[in-house]
């Protein structure tokens, strides 16, 4: 008998689906065998790898370098009460909005999103 946590069961192409904790992780399961191949698109949030070495990078530093730079500058200048922090914060917010729209466009056009799926 599969364990069914709250709010994780549903239907996919008419087939009942559920999540199960197998002890080594969660699995997505179908109660019945599908008549043909199914494609799963799952949106999720995950953690990026730690940036330890100066040469390390991840999706944020590669794809959104300006956003990261402006955010870091805003935080740094705010920590010393420099009013220029507001300029960098405003630019970072603008870049963040652009990044969100870009990812939403990818999601709605069926392309693989940078941060998941």
Protein backbone atom coordinates (compact mmCIF):
# COMPACT_ATOMS: atom_id res chain seq x y z
CA UNK A 1 0.00 0.00 0.00
CA UNK A 2 1.62 3.29 -1.05
CA UNK A 3 1.91 6.04 1.48
CA UNK A 4 0.15 9.15 0.24
CA UNK A 5 1.21 12.38 1.91
CA UNK A 6 -1.32 15.21 1.79
CA UNK A 7 -1.58 17.18 -1.46
CA UNK A 8 0.70 14.98 -3.54
CA UNK A 9 -1.72 12.65 -5.30
CA UNK A 10 -3.44 13.54 -8.52
CA UNK A 11 -4.02 12.50 -12.10
CA UNK A 12 -1.79 12.54 -15.17
CA UNK A 13 -3.45 11.89 -18.53
CA UNK A 14 -6.29 10.26 -16.59
CA UNK A 15 -3.97 7.96 -14.62
CA UNK A 16 -3.84 8.20 -10.82
CA UNK A 17 -0.40 9.28 -9.60
CA UNK A 18 1.11 9.53 -6.12
CA UNK A 19 4.37 10.19 -4.29
CA UNK A 20 5.89 7.51 -2.09
CA UNK A 21 8.66 7.72 0.48
CA UNK A 22 10.75 4.62 -0.20
CA UNK A 23 13.18 5.24 2.65
CA UNK A 24 15.93 6.22 0.22
CA UNK A 25 13.94 9.11 -1.23
CA UNK A 26 10.63 10.08 -2.74
CA UNK A 27 9.37 8.47 -5.95
CA UNK A 28 6.59 9.52 -8.32
CA UNK A 29 4.40 6.51 -9.14
CA UNK A 30 1.49 5.60 -11.41
CA UNK A 31 -1.21 3.21 -10.16
CA UNK A 32 -1.78 1.81 -13.66
CA UNK A 33 0.54 1.20 -16.60
CA UNK A 34 0.22 3.92 -19.27
CA UNK A 35 -0.78 2.98 -22.81
CA UNK A 36 2.14 5.02 -24.20
CA UNK A 37 5.22 6.91 -23.01
CA UNK A 38 4.55 9.84 -20.69
CA UNK A 39 6.63 12.99 -20.35
CA UNK A 40 6.84 14.52 -16.88
CA UNK A 41 7.48 18.23 -16.40
CA UNK A 42 8.10 19.01 -12.77
CA UNK A 43 8.75 22.48 -11.38
CA UNK A 44 10.84 22.50 -8.24
CA UNK A 45 13.21 24.54 -6.15
CA UNK A 46 16.68 23.27 -5.41
CA UNK A 47 19.92 24.38 -3.86
CA UNK A 48 22.78 25.52 -6.04
CA UNK A 49 26.28 24.18 -5.36
CA UNK A 50 28.37 26.17 -2.90
CA UNK A 51 30.83 28.65 -4.38
CA UNK A 52 34.01 27.76 -2.53
CA UNK A 53 36.85 28.45 -4.92
CA UNK A 54 37.26 31.70 -6.84
CA UNK A 55 36.84 29.74 -10.08
CA UNK A 56 33.56 28.07 -8.99
CA UNK A 57 30.34 29.00 -10.78
CA UNK A 58 26.69 28.00 -10.90
CA UNK A 59 23.59 28.94 -12.91
CA UNK A 60 23.24 32.30 -11.13
CA UNK A 61 26.83 33.39 -11.64
CA UNK A 62 26.89 32.15 -15.23
CA UNK A 63 23.46 33.17 -16.50
CA UNK A 64 22.73 36.15 -14.24
CA UNK A 65 26.14 37.65 -13.57
CA UNK A 66 24.85 41.25 -13.59
CA UNK A 67 22.08 40.37 -11.14
CA UNK A 68 24.55 38.77 -8.72
CA UNK A 69 27.01 41.66 -9.03
CA UNK A 70 24.38 44.37 -8.44
CA UNK A 71 22.88 42.47 -5.51
CA UNK A 72 26.27 42.03 -3.84
CA UNK A 73 27.09 45.73 -4.35
CA UNK A 74 23.71 46.76 -2.91
CA UNK A 75 24.32 44.63 0.19
CA UNK A 76 27.90 45.87 0.60
CA UNK A 77 27.03 49.55 0.25
CA UNK A 78 23.98 49.19 2.52
CA UNK A 79 26.20 47.67 5.21
CA UNK A 80 28.17 50.94 5.39
CA UNK A 81 25.06 53.12 5.01
CA UNK A 82 26.15 54.43 1.61
CA UNK A 83 23.16 55.86 -0.30
CA UNK A 84 24.50 54.44 -3.58
CA UNK A 85 23.18 51.08 -2.30
CA UNK A 86 19.72 52.13 -3.49
CA UNK A 87 20.93 52.48 -7.07
CA UNK A 88 22.41 48.98 -7.09
CA UNK A 89 19.34 47.56 -5.35
CA UNK A 90 17.02 49.12 -7.97
CA UNK A 91 19.13 47.69 -10.79
CA UNK A 92 19.22 44.26 -9.12
CA UNK A 93 15.42 44.27 -8.78
CA UNK A 94 15.06 45.17 -12.46
CA UNK A 95 17.43 42.36 -13.46
CA UNK A 96 15.62 39.93 -11.17
CA UNK A 97 12.29 40.78 -12.83
CA UNK A 98 13.86 40.18 -16.23
CA UNK A 99 15.25 36.82 -15.06
CA UNK A 100 11.86 35.74 -13.73
CA UNK A 101 10.18 36.66 -17.02
CA UNK A 102 12.85 34.78 -18.96
CA UNK A 103 12.31 31.63 -16.90
CA UNK A 104 8.51 31.94 -17.23
CA UNK A 105 8.85 32.24 -21.00
CA UNK A 106 11.01 29.13 -21.06
CA UNK A 107 8.43 27.28 -19.01
CA UNK A 108 5.53 28.32 -21.23
CA UNK A 109 7.35 27.48 -24.46
CA UNK A 110 8.37 24.02 -23.26
CA UNK A 111 12.09 24.71 -23.02
CA UNK A 112 14.08 23.38 -20.11
CA UNK A 113 14.34 25.97 -17.38
CA UNK A 114 17.77 26.94 -16.10
CA UNK A 115 16.99 26.28 -12.46
CA UNK A 116 15.01 23.09 -12.72
CA UNK A 117 13.02 20.60 -14.67
